[in-house]
Amino acid sequence: MGHSQLDQLVSMANQIADNNEHQGDENVVAAFVALHLKRFWARSMKQQIIDYSKTENNQLKPMAAKAIALLAKEYA
């Protein structure tokens, strides 16, 4: 996956998190976002964003990062 595709994944994860912040407290939102990624993203996309989330200075917003951490536990 090229760099621009990774940028798109980061942008999408951040947008999904932003669009769902109204769902309630941050644990609920993170779980909802993680479920969305699990249901609708290809395994390769999920693995890319999980790997990226572990890098320093990543561009994930805090809520997206929390959701991806939950997702990572399932794919560990």
PDB file of N, CA and C in Angstrom:
ATOM      1  N   MET A   1       0.850  -1.175   0.000  1.00  0.00           N
ATOM      2  CA  MET A   1       0.000   0.000   0.000  1.00  0.00           C
ATOM      3  C   MET A   1       0.894   1.235   0.000  1.00  0.00           C
ATOM      4  N   GLY A   2       0.646   2.140  -0.904  1.00  0.00           N
ATOM      5  CA  GLY A   2       1.471   3.330  -1.029  1.00  0.00           C
ATOM      6  C   GLY A   2       1.188   4.338   0.063  1.00  0.00           C
ATOM      7  N   HIS A   3       2.078   5.300   0.138  1.00  0.00           N
ATOM      8  CA  HIS A   3       1.963   6.322   1.185  1.00  0.00           C
ATOM      9  C   HIS A   3       0.649   7.089   1.069  1.00  0.00           C
ATOM     10  N   SER A   4       0.245   7.453  -0.141  1.00  0.00           N
ATOM     11  CA  SER A   4      -0.993   8.216  -0.286  1.00  0.00           C
ATOM     12  C   SER A   4      -2.203   7.380   0.138  1.00  0.00           C
ATOM     13  N   GLN A   5      -2.157   6.067  -0.071  1.00  0.00           N
ATOM     14  CA  GLN A   5      -3.250   5.213   0.386  1.00  0.00           C
ATOM     15  C   GLN A   5      -3.297   5.164   1.909  1.00  0.00           C
ATOM     16  N   LEU A   6      -2.134   5.129   2.539  1.00  0.00           N
ATOM     17  CA  LEU A   6      -2.086   5.159   3.997  1.00  0.00           C
ATOM     18  C   LEU A   6      -2.632   6.487   4.510  1.00  0.00           C
ATOM     19  N   ASP A   7      -2.281   7.574   3.840  1.00  0.00           N
ATOM     20  CA  ASP A   7      -2.828   8.877   4.213  1.00  0.00           C
ATOM     21  C   ASP A   7      -4.358   8.862   4.147  1.00  0.00           C
ATOM     22  N   GLN A   8      -4.901   8.205   3.133  1.00  0.00           N
ATOM     23  CA  GLN A   8      -6.358   8.112   2.994  1.00  0.00           C
ATOM     24  C   GLN A   8      -6.971   7.310   4.141  1.00  0.00           C
ATOM     25  N   LEU A   9      -6.316   6.221   4.541  1.00  0.00           N
ATOM     26  CA  LEU A   9      -6.820   5.424   5.655  1.00  0.00           C
ATOM     27  C   LEU A   9      -6.835   6.241   6.939  1.00  0.00           C
ATOM     28  N   VAL A  10      -5.771   6.987   7.162  1.00  0.00           N
ATOM     29  CA  VAL A  10      -5.694   7.831   8.361  1.00  0.00           C
ATOM     30  C   VAL A  10      -6.807   8.872   8.329  1.00  0.00           C
ATOM     31  N   SER A  11      -6.987   9.499   7.189  1.00  0.00           N
ATOM     32  CA  SER A  11      -8.031  10.506   7.049  1.00  0.00           C
ATOM     33  C   SER A  11      -9.411   9.903   7.285  1.00  0.00           C
ATOM     34  N   MET A  12      -9.664   8.726   6.713  1.00  0.00           N
ATOM     35  CA  MET A  12     -10.959   8.074   6.898  1.00  0.00           C
ATOM     36  C   MET A  12     -11.191   7.698   8.357  1.00  0.00           C
ATOM     37  N   ALA A  13     -10.186   7.143   9.016  1.00  0.00           N
ATOM     38  CA  ALA A  13     -10.330   6.766  10.425  1.00  0.00           C
ATOM     39  C   ALA A  13     -10.632   7.998  11.273  1.00  0.00           C
ATOM     40  N   ASN A  14      -9.923   9.090  11.017  1.00  0.00           N
ATOM     41  CA  ASN A  14     -10.167  10.330  11.756  1.00  0.00           C
ATOM     42  C   ASN A  14     -11.579  10.858  11.497  1.00  0.00           C
ATOM     43  N   GLN A  15     -12.037  10.787  10.245  1.00  0.00           N
ATOM     44  CA  GLN A  15     -13.376  11.274   9.909  1.00  0.00           C
ATOM     45  C   GLN A  15     -14.459  10.419  10.563  1.00  0.00           C
ATOM     46  N   ILE A  16     -14.273   9.105  10.547  1.00  0.00           N
ATOM     47  CA  ILE A  16     -15.252   8.214  11.182  1.00  0.00           C
ATOM     48  C   ILE A  16     -15.354   8.540  12.671  1.00  0.00           C
ATOM     49  N   ALA A  17     -14.208   8.731  13.305  1.00  0.00           N
ATOM     50  CA  ALA A  17     -14.206   9.087  14.726  1.00  0.00           C
ATOM     51  C   ALA A  17     -14.889  10.439  14.951  1.00  0.00           C
ATOM     52  N   ASP A  18     -14.539  11.424  14.141  1.00  0.00           N
ATOM     53  CA  ASP A  18     -15.149  12.753  14.282  1.00  0.00           C
ATOM     54  C   ASP A  18     -16.668  12.693  14.095  1.00  0.00           C
ATOM     55  N   ASN A  19     -17.109  11.916  13.115  1.00  0.00           N
ATOM     56  CA  ASN A  19     -18.537  11.853  12.791  1.00  0.00           C
ATOM     57  C   ASN A  19     -19.355  11.102  13.831  1.00  0.00           C
ATOM     58  N   ASN A  20     -18.696  10.416  14.730  1.00  0.00           N
ATOM     59  CA  ASN A  20     -19.419   9.623  15.712  1.00  0.00           C
ATOM     60  C   ASN A  20     -19.207  10.074  17.147  1.00  0.00           C
ATOM     61  N   GLU A  21     -18.566  11.207  17.333  1.00  0.00           N
ATOM     62  CA  GLU A  21     -18.325  11.696  18.687  1.00  0.00           C
ATOM     63  C   GLU A  21     -19.614  11.979  19.447  1.00  0.00           C
ATOM     64  N   HIS A  22     -20.702  12.175  18.735  1.00  0.00           N
ATOM     65  CA  HIS A  22     -21.995  12.447  19.376  1.00  0.00           C
ATOM     66  C   HIS A  22     -22.613  11.191  20.002  1.00  0.00           C
ATOM     67  N   GLN A  23     -22.035  10.022  19.777  1.00  0.00           N
ATOM     68  CA  GLN A  23     -22.609   8.755  20.240  1.00  0.00           C
ATOM     69  C   GLN A  23     -22.640   8.623  21.768  1.00  0.00           C
ATOM     70  N   GLY A  24     -21.807   9.363  22.448  1.00  0.00           N
ATOM     71  CA  GLY A  24     -21.793   9.262  23.903  1.00  0.00           C
ATOM     72  C   GLY A  24     -20.391   9.429  24.441  1.00  0.00           C
ATOM     73  N   ASP A  25     -20.104   8.700  25.517  1.00  0.00           N
ATOM     74  CA  ASP A  25     -18.778   8.848  26.110  1.00  0.00           C
ATOM     75  C   ASP A  25     -17.718   8.217  25.213  1.00  0.00           C
ATOM     76  N   GLU A  26     -16.474   8.513  25.493  1.00  0.00           N
ATOM     77  CA  GLU A  26     -15.411   8.121  24.574  1.00  0.00           C
ATOM     78  C   GLU A  26     -15.249   6.612  24.439  1.00  0.00           C
ATOM     79  N   ASN A  27     -15.571   5.845  25.465  1.00  0.00           N
ATOM     80  CA  ASN A  27     -15.486   4.389  25.349  1.00  0.00           C
ATOM     81  C   ASN A  27     -16.528   3.847  24.380  1.00  0.00           C
ATOM     82  N   VAL A  28     -17.722   4.435  24.422  1.00  0.00           N
ATOM     83  CA  VAL A  28     -18.787   4.039  23.496  1.00  0.00           C
ATOM     84  C   VAL A  28     -18.399   4.412  22.075  1.00  0.00           C
ATOM     85  N   VAL A  29     -17.899   5.617  21.894  1.00  0.00           N
ATOM     86  CA  VAL A  29     -17.499   6.079  20.567  1.00  0.00           C
ATOM     87  C   VAL A  29     -16.368   5.214  20.019  1.00  0.00           C
ATOM     88  N   ALA A  30     -15.363   4.952  20.828  1.00  0.00           N
ATOM     89  CA  ALA A  30     -14.237   4.133  20.379  1.00  0.00           C
ATOM     90  C   ALA A  30     -14.700   2.738  19.968  1.00  0.00           C
ATOM     91  N   ALA A  31     -15.591   2.150  20.755  1.00  0.00           N
ATOM     92  CA  ALA A  31     -16.113   0.822  20.425  1.00  0.00           C
ATOM     93  C   ALA A  31     -16.919   0.859  19.127  1.00  0.00           C
ATOM     94  N   PHE A  32     -17.702   1.906  18.941  1.00  0.00           N
ATOM     95  CA  PHE A  32     -18.496   2.046  17.722  1.00  0.00           C
ATOM     96  C   PHE A  32     -17.596   2.189  16.499  1.00  0.00           C
ATOM     97  N   VAL A  33     -16.573   3.024  16.601  1.00  0.00           N
ATOM     98  CA  VAL A  33     -15.641   3.227  15.486  1.00  0.00           C
ATOM     99  C   VAL A  33     -14.887   1.931  15.183  1.00  0.00           C
ATOM    100  N   ALA A  34     -14.433   1.246  16.217  1.00  0.00           N
ATOM    101  CA  ALA A  34     -13.734  -0.029  16.019  1.00  0.00           C
ATOM    102  C   ALA A  34     -14.641  -1.032  15.312  1.00  0.00           C
ATOM    103  N   LEU A  35     -15.911  -1.085  15.707  1.00  0.00           N
ATOM    104  CA  LEU A  35     -16.862  -1.992  15.071  1.00  0.00           C
ATOM    105  C   LEU A  35     -17.059  -1.626  13.600  1.00  0.00           C
ATOM    106  N   HIS A  36     -17.138  -0.337  13.311  1.00  0.00           N
ATOM    107  CA  HIS A  36     -17.270   0.108  11.915  1.00  0.00           C
ATOM    108  C   HIS A  36     -16.078  -0.356  11.081  1.00  0.00           C
ATOM    109  N   LEU A  37     -14.880  -0.150  11.601  1.00  0.00           N
ATOM    110  CA  LEU A  37     -13.681  -0.569  10.866  1.00  0.00           C
ATOM    111  C   LEU A  37     -13.674  -2.081  10.685  1.00  0.00           C
ATOM    112  N   LYS A  38     -14.057  -2.798  11.715  1.00  0.00           N
ATOM    113  CA  LYS A  38     -14.079  -4.259  11.643  1.00  0.00           C
ATOM    114  C   LYS A  38     -15.051  -4.740  10.568  1.00  0.00           C
ATOM    115  N   ARG A  39     -16.207  -4.118  10.495  1.00  0.00           N
ATOM    116  CA  ARG A  39     -17.244  -4.545   9.548  1.00  0.00           C
ATOM    117  C   ARG A  39     -16.972  -4.147   8.109  1.00  0.00           C
ATOM    118  N   PHE A  40     -16.436  -2.949   7.918  1.00  0.00           N
ATOM    119  CA  PHE A  40     -16.418  -2.381   6.572  1.00  0.00           C
ATOM    120  C   PHE A  40     -15.047  -2.243   5.924  1.00  0.00           C
ATOM    121  N   TRP A  41     -13.990  -2.395   6.674  1.00  0.00           N
ATOM    122  CA  TRP A  41     -12.660  -2.287   6.088  1.00  0.00           C
ATOM    123  C   TRP A  41     -12.115  -3.675   5.789  1.00  0.00           C
ATOM    124  N   ALA A  42     -11.396  -3.790   4.685  1.00  0.00           N
ATOM    125  CA  ALA A  42     -10.728  -5.044   4.339  1.00  0.00           C
ATOM    126  C   ALA A  42      -9.645  -5.342   5.373  1.00  0.00           C
ATOM    127  N   ARG A  43      -9.347  -6.609   5.520  1.00  0.00           N
ATOM    128  CA  ARG A  43      -8.320  -7.017   6.488  1.00  0.00           C
ATOM    129  C   ARG A  43      -7.008  -6.266   6.243  1.00  0.00           C
ATOM    130  N   SER A  44      -6.639  -6.097   4.991  1.00  0.00           N
ATOM    131  CA  SER A  44      -5.380  -5.403   4.685  1.00  0.00           C
ATOM    132  C   SER A  44      -5.424  -3.948   5.146  1.00  0.00           C
ATOM    133  N   MET A  45      -6.564  -3.310   5.026  1.00  0.00           N
ATOM    134  CA  MET A  45      -6.715  -1.927   5.481  1.00  0.00           C
ATOM    135  C   MET A  45      -6.587  -1.862   7.001  1.00  0.00           C
ATOM    136  N   LYS A  46      -7.233  -2.798   7.678  1.00  0.00           N
ATOM    137  CA  LYS A  46      -7.164  -2.825   9.141  1.00  0.00           C
ATOM    138  C   LYS A  46      -5.737  -3.051   9.614  1.00  0.00           C
ATOM    139  N   GLN A  47      -5.035  -3.958   8.961  1.00  0.00           N
ATOM    140  CA  GLN A  47      -3.656  -4.237   9.370  1.00  0.00           C
ATOM    141  C   GLN A  47      -2.757  -3.027   9.143  1.00  0.00           C
ATOM    142  N   GLN A  48      -2.969  -2.342   8.033  1.00  0.00           N
ATOM    143  CA  GLN A  48      -2.169  -1.143   7.739  1.00  0.00           C
ATOM    144  C   GLN A  48      -2.379  -0.071   8.811  1.00  0.00           C
ATOM    145  N   ILE A  49      -3.630   0.175   9.174  1.00  0.00           N
ATOM    146  CA  ILE A  49      -3.891   1.239  10.145  1.00  0.00           C
ATOM    147  C   ILE A  49      -3.445   0.826  11.544  1.00  0.00           C
ATOM    148  N   ILE A  50      -3.551  -0.456  11.874  1.00  0.00           N
ATOM    149  CA  ILE A  50      -3.047  -0.934  13.160  1.00  0.00           C
ATOM    150  C   ILE A  50      -1.533  -0.749  13.228  1.00  0.00           C
ATOM    151  N   ASP A  51      -0.833  -1.159  12.181  1.00  0.00           N
ATOM    152  CA  ASP A  51       0.623  -0.995  12.142  1.00  0.00           C
ATOM    153  C   ASP A  51       1.003   0.483  12.237  1.00  0.00           C
ATOM    154  N   TYR A  52       0.289   1.319  11.495  1.00  0.00           N
ATOM    155  CA  TYR A  52       0.568   2.748  11.498  1.00  0.00           C
ATOM    156  C   TYR A  52       0.330   3.355  12.883  1.00  0.00           C
ATOM    157  N   SER A  53      -0.695   2.880  13.576  1.00  0.00           N
ATOM    158  CA  SER A  53      -1.033   3.452  14.884  1.00  0.00           C
ATOM    159  C   SER A  53       0.080   3.245  15.905  1.00  0.00           C
ATOM    160  N   LYS A  54       0.942   2.295  15.651  1.00  0.00           N
ATOM    161  CA  LYS A  54       2.040   1.988  16.570  1.00  0.00           C
ATOM    162  C   LYS A  54       3.293   2.815  16.295  1.00  0.00           C
ATOM    163  N   THR A  55       3.246   3.642  15.252  1.00  0.00           N
ATOM    164  CA  THR A  55       4.405   4.472  14.919  1.00  0.00           C
ATOM    165  C   THR A  55       4.370   5.773  15.712  1.00  0.00           C
ATOM    166  N   GLU A  56       5.535   6.327  15.930  1.00  0.00           N
ATOM    167  CA  GLU A  56       5.616   7.617  16.625  1.00  0.00           C
ATOM    168  C   GLU A  56       5.124   8.722  15.706  1.00  0.00           C
ATOM    169  N   ASN A  57       4.574   9.745  16.306  1.00  0.00           N
ATOM    170  CA  ASN A  57       4.126  10.933  15.579  1.00  0.00           C
ATOM    171  C   ASN A  57       3.109  10.615  14.498  1.00  0.00           C
ATOM    172  N   ASN A  58       2.258   9.598  14.728  1.00  0.00           N
ATOM    173  CA  ASN A  58       1.228   9.321  13.731  1.00  0.00           C
ATOM    174  C   ASN A  58       0.199  10.446  13.764  1.00  0.00           C
ATOM    175  N   GLN A  59      -0.603  10.519  12.731  1.00  0.00           N
ATOM    176  CA  GLN A  59      -1.554  11.622  12.573  1.00  0.00           C
ATOM    177  C   GLN A  59      -2.979  11.244  12.981  1.00  0.00           C
ATOM    178  N   LEU A  60      -3.114  10.176  13.735  1.00  0.00           N
ATOM    179  CA  LEU A  60      -4.440   9.769  14.196  1.00  0.00           C
ATOM    180  C   LEU A  60      -4.911  10.677  15.325  1.00  0.00           C
ATOM    181  N   LYS A  61      -6.169  11.063  15.257  1.00  0.00           N
ATOM    182  CA  LYS A  61      -6.756  11.822  16.348  1.00  0.00           C
ATOM    183  C   LYS A  61      -6.950  10.880  17.526  1.00  0.00           C
ATOM    184  N   PRO A  62      -6.991  11.412  18.736  1.00  0.00           N
ATOM    185  CA  PRO A  62      -7.068  10.547  19.927  1.00  0.00           C
ATOM    186  C   PRO A  62      -8.202   9.514  19.889  1.00  0.00           C
ATOM    187  N   MET A  63      -9.391   9.910  19.435  1.00  0.00           N
ATOM    188  CA  MET A  63     -10.510   8.963  19.414  1.00  0.00           C
ATOM    189  C   MET A  63     -10.280   7.869  18.380  1.00  0.00           C
ATOM    190  N   ALA A  64      -9.740   8.221  17.234  1.00  0.00           N
ATOM    191  CA  ALA A  64      -9.432   7.214  16.216  1.00  0.00           C
ATOM    192  C   ALA A  64      -8.352   6.265  16.728  1.00  0.00           C
ATOM    193  N   ALA A  65      -7.360   6.809  17.394  1.00  0.00           N
ATOM    194  CA  ALA A  65      -6.284   5.982  17.941  1.00  0.00           C
ATOM    195  C   ALA A  65      -6.828   5.003  18.981  1.00  0.00           C
ATOM    196  N   LYS A  66      -7.760   5.473  19.811  1.00  0.00           N
ATOM    197  CA  LYS A  66      -8.351   4.600  20.828  1.00  0.00           C
ATOM    198  C   LYS A  66      -9.151   3.474  20.172  1.00  0.00           C
ATOM    199  N   ALA A  67      -9.890   3.796  19.139  1.00  0.00           N
ATOM    200  CA  ALA A  67     -10.666   2.780  18.419  1.00  0.00           C
ATOM    201  C   ALA A  67      -9.749   1.753  17.765  1.00  0.00           C
ATOM    202  N   ILE A  68      -8.670   2.209  17.186  1.00  0.00           N
ATOM    203  CA  ILE A  68      -7.742   1.301  16.516  1.00  0.00           C
ATOM    204  C   ILE A  68      -7.022   0.428  17.530  1.00  0.00           C
ATOM    205  N   ALA A  69      -6.768   0.949  18.712  1.00  0.00           N
ATOM    206  CA  ALA A  69      -6.181   0.127  19.770  1.00  0.00           C
ATOM    207  C   ALA A  69      -7.131  -1.010  20.158  1.00  0.00           C
ATOM    208  N   LEU A  70      -8.430  -0.721  20.210  1.00  0.00           N
ATOM    209  CA  LEU A  70      -9.416  -1.768  20.482  1.00  0.00           C
ATOM    210  C   LEU A  70      -9.422  -2.798  19.361  1.00  0.00           C
ATOM    211  N   LEU A  71      -9.379  -2.317  18.141  1.00  0.00           N
ATOM    212  CA  LEU A  71      -9.351  -3.208  16.980  1.00  0.00           C
ATOM    213  C   LEU A  71      -8.099  -4.085  17.009  1.00  0.00           C
ATOM    214  N   ALA A  72      -6.996  -3.500  17.366  1.00  0.00           N
ATOM    215  CA  ALA A  72      -5.711  -4.237  17.401  1.00  0.00           C
ATOM    216  C   ALA A  72      -5.771  -5.404  18.369  1.00  0.00           C
ATOM    217  N   LYS A  73      -6.503  -5.245  19.476  1.00  0.00           N
ATOM    218  CA  LYS A  73      -6.620  -6.340  20.455  1.00  0.00           C
ATOM    219  C   LYS A  73      -7.287  -7.557  19.826  1.00  0.00           C
ATOM    220  N   GLU A  74      -8.225  -7.327  18.920  1.00  0.00           N
ATOM    221  CA  GLU A  74      -8.907  -8.439  18.263  1.00  0.00           C
ATOM    222  C   GLU A  74      -8.041  -9.123  17.215  1.00  0.00           C
ATOM    223  N   TYR A  75      -7.108  -8.381  16.643  1.00  0.00           N
ATOM    224  CA  TYR A  75      -6.273  -8.911  15.578  1.00  0.00           C
ATOM    225  C   TYR A  75      -4.866  -9.261  16.045  1.00  0.00           C
ATOM    226  N   ALA A  76      -4.659  -9.257  17.348  1.00  0.00           N
ATOM    227  CA  ALA A  76      -3.337  -9.562  17.900  1.00  0.00           C
ATOM    228  C   ALA A  76      -3.015 -11.049  17.773  1.00  0.00           C
TER     229      ALA A  76
END
